[in-house]
N, C-alpha and C. Protein backbone atom coordinates (compact mmCIF):
# COMPACT_ATOMS: atom_id res chain seq x y z
N MET A 1 30.61 4.94 35.08
CA MET A 1 29.70 4.90 34.83
C MET A 1 29.69 6.04 33.67
N SER A 2 29.12 6.47 33.11
CA SER A 2 29.50 7.18 32.07
C SER A 2 28.86 8.50 32.15
N ASN A 3 28.77 9.65 31.64
CA ASN A 3 28.46 10.77 31.60
C ASN A 3 26.64 11.13 30.64
N GLU A 4 26.32 9.76 30.61
CA GLU A 4 25.39 9.88 29.73
C GLU A 4 24.02 10.43 30.28
N LYS A 5 23.09 11.38 30.13
CA LYS A 5 21.88 12.03 30.60
C LYS A 5 20.58 10.67 30.40
N LEU A 6 20.38 10.39 31.39
CA LEU A 6 19.06 9.95 31.47
C LEU A 6 18.00 10.98 31.14
N PRO A 7 16.95 10.28 30.12
CA PRO A 7 15.71 10.86 29.79
C PRO A 7 14.67 11.45 31.02
N ASP A 8 14.12 12.83 31.06
CA ASP A 8 13.42 13.29 31.93
C ASP A 8 12.26 12.59 32.22
N SER A 9 11.60 12.04 32.70
CA SER A 9 9.90 11.32 31.97
C SER A 9 8.84 11.75 32.79
N GLY A 10 9.64 13.04 33.78
CA GLY A 10 7.99 13.64 33.57
C GLY A 10 7.79 15.03 32.39
N ASN A 11 8.72 15.53 32.35
CA ASN A 11 8.77 16.32 31.29
C ASN A 11 8.84 16.39 29.93
N GLU A 12 8.80 15.19 29.44
CA GLU A 12 8.21 15.06 28.22
C GLU A 12 7.21 14.74 27.68
N GLN A 13 6.74 15.00 26.65
CA GLN A 13 5.35 15.29 26.23
C GLN A 13 5.48 13.92 25.04
N PHE A 14 4.12 13.00 25.28
CA PHE A 14 4.24 11.93 24.35
C PHE A 14 2.76 11.84 23.50
N GLU A 15 2.64 11.59 22.23
CA GLU A 15 1.51 11.84 21.40
C GLU A 15 0.73 10.67 21.75
N HIS A 16 -0.40 10.62 22.24
CA HIS A 16 -1.68 9.34 21.98
C HIS A 16 -0.94 8.92 20.39
N PRO A 17 -0.81 6.99 20.92
CA PRO A 17 -1.38 6.06 19.74
C PRO A 17 -2.09 6.11 18.90
N LYS A 18 -2.11 6.97 17.98
CA LYS A 18 -3.66 7.10 16.85
C LYS A 18 -3.48 5.95 16.15
N GLY A 19 -2.42 5.46 15.76
CA GLY A 19 -2.53 4.08 14.86
C GLY A 19 -3.36 2.89 15.02
N ALA A 20 -2.75 3.04 16.26
CA ALA A 20 -3.63 1.87 17.03
C ALA A 20 -5.20 1.70 17.13
N ALA A 21 -5.28 2.85 17.79
CA ALA A 21 -6.72 3.21 18.09
C ALA A 21 -7.74 2.96 16.57
N VAL A 22 -7.04 3.56 15.64
CA VAL A 22 -7.83 3.56 14.08
C VAL A 22 -7.73 1.57 14.16
N ILE A 23 -6.95 1.09 14.09
CA ILE A 23 -6.04 -0.74 13.99
C ILE A 23 -7.33 -1.18 14.73
N LEU A 24 -7.72 -1.12 15.99
CA LEU A 24 -8.97 -1.15 16.92
C LEU A 24 -10.32 -1.05 16.26
N ALA A 25 -10.20 0.25 16.14
CA ALA A 25 -11.84 0.63 15.50
C ALA A 25 -11.66 -0.02 13.83
N ILE A 26 -11.21 -0.09 13.46
CA ILE A 26 -11.36 -0.80 11.92
C ILE A 26 -11.37 -2.61 12.49
N PHE A 27 -10.93 -2.71 13.72
CA PHE A 27 -11.03 -4.28 13.95
C PHE A 27 -12.58 -4.69 14.11
N PHE A 28 -12.92 -3.49 15.16
CA PHE A 28 -14.53 -3.78 15.97
C PHE A 28 -15.28 -3.84 14.81
N LEU A 29 -15.21 -2.72 13.84
CA LEU A 29 -16.35 -2.27 12.78
C LEU A 29 -16.19 -3.87 11.88
N LEU A 30 -15.41 -4.70 11.63
CA LEU A 30 -15.21 -5.77 10.88
C LEU A 30 -16.39 -6.62 11.74
N ILE A 31 -15.79 -6.71 13.03
CA ILE A 31 -16.55 -7.88 14.05
C ILE A 31 -18.35 -7.75 13.32
N ILE A 32 -18.71 -6.00 13.96
CA ILE A 32 -19.76 -5.85 14.20
C ILE A 32 -20.65 -6.23 12.74
N ILE A 33 -20.21 -6.07 11.58
CA ILE A 33 -20.44 -6.28 10.29
C ILE A 33 -20.31 -7.75 9.79
N LEU A 34 -19.20 -8.49 10.40
CA LEU A 34 -19.58 -10.01 9.97
C LEU A 34 -20.92 -10.37 10.81
N TRP A 35 -20.55 -10.07 11.93
CA TRP A 35 -21.98 -10.91 12.77
C TRP A 35 -23.37 -10.82 12.51
N GLY A 36 -23.35 -8.93 11.81
CA GLY A 36 -24.15 -8.92 11.46
C GLY A 36 -24.91 -9.11 10.06
N SER A 37 -24.17 -9.98 9.17
CA SER A 37 -24.12 -10.17 8.06
C SER A 37 -25.12 -11.92 8.56
N VAL A 38 -24.45 -12.37 9.67
CA VAL A 38 -24.44 -13.95 10.12
C VAL A 38 -26.16 -14.14 10.28
N TYR A 39 -26.24 -13.08 11.30
CA TYR A 39 -27.42 -12.51 12.05
C TYR A 39 -28.48 -12.76 11.05
N LEU A 40 -28.19 -11.81 9.98
CA LEU A 40 -29.56 -11.56 8.20
C LEU A 40 -29.65 -12.81 8.38
N ILE A 41 -28.52 -13.98 7.97
CA ILE A 41 -28.76 -14.55 6.92
C ILE A 41 -29.11 -15.65 7.76
N MET A 42 -29.30 -16.07 9.11
CA MET A 42 -30.38 -16.75 9.71
C MET A 42 -31.23 -16.25 10.01
N LEU A 43 -31.94 -14.53 9.62
CA LEU A 43 -33.43 -14.29 9.39
C LEU A 43 -33.50 -14.92 8.51
N SER A 44 -32.96 -14.79 7.30
CA SER A 44 -33.63 -15.32 5.66
C SER A 44 -33.55 -16.72 6.10
N ARG A 45 -33.59 -17.55 6.80
CA ARG A 45 -33.06 -18.37 6.23
C ARG A 45 -34.28 -18.87 7.09
N GLY A 46 -34.88 -18.63 8.15
CA GLY A 46 -35.97 -18.62 9.14
C GLY A 46 -35.60 -19.51 10.72
N VAL A 47 -33.91 -19.62 10.87
CA VAL A 47 -33.83 -20.41 12.29
C VAL A 47 -34.22 -19.66 13.18
N THR A 48 -34.70 -20.91 14.49
CA THR A 48 -35.14 -20.60 15.22
C THR A 48 -34.23 -21.33 16.32
N PHE A 49 -34.09 -20.41 17.17
CA PHE A 49 -33.53 -20.70 19.01
C PHE A 49 -34.68 -21.86 19.50
N TYR A 50 -35.57 -21.52 19.10
CA TYR A 50 -36.21 -22.41 20.40
C TYR A 50 -36.96 -23.87 19.50
N GLY A 51 -36.47 -24.72 20.14
CA GLY A 51 -36.57 -27.00 19.67
C GLY A 51 -38.05 -26.62 19.24
């Protein structure tokens, strides 16, 4: 066995993944914008959901 130290898991402070949160926020904004545009297109064409 080697004499290498294992990292202390309880003493280290890790930063929160800010990049992942930004990517998720951009993704959700894009989904909302795309659905909104489709909704407005359907409203302008007079599409009804009732036969």
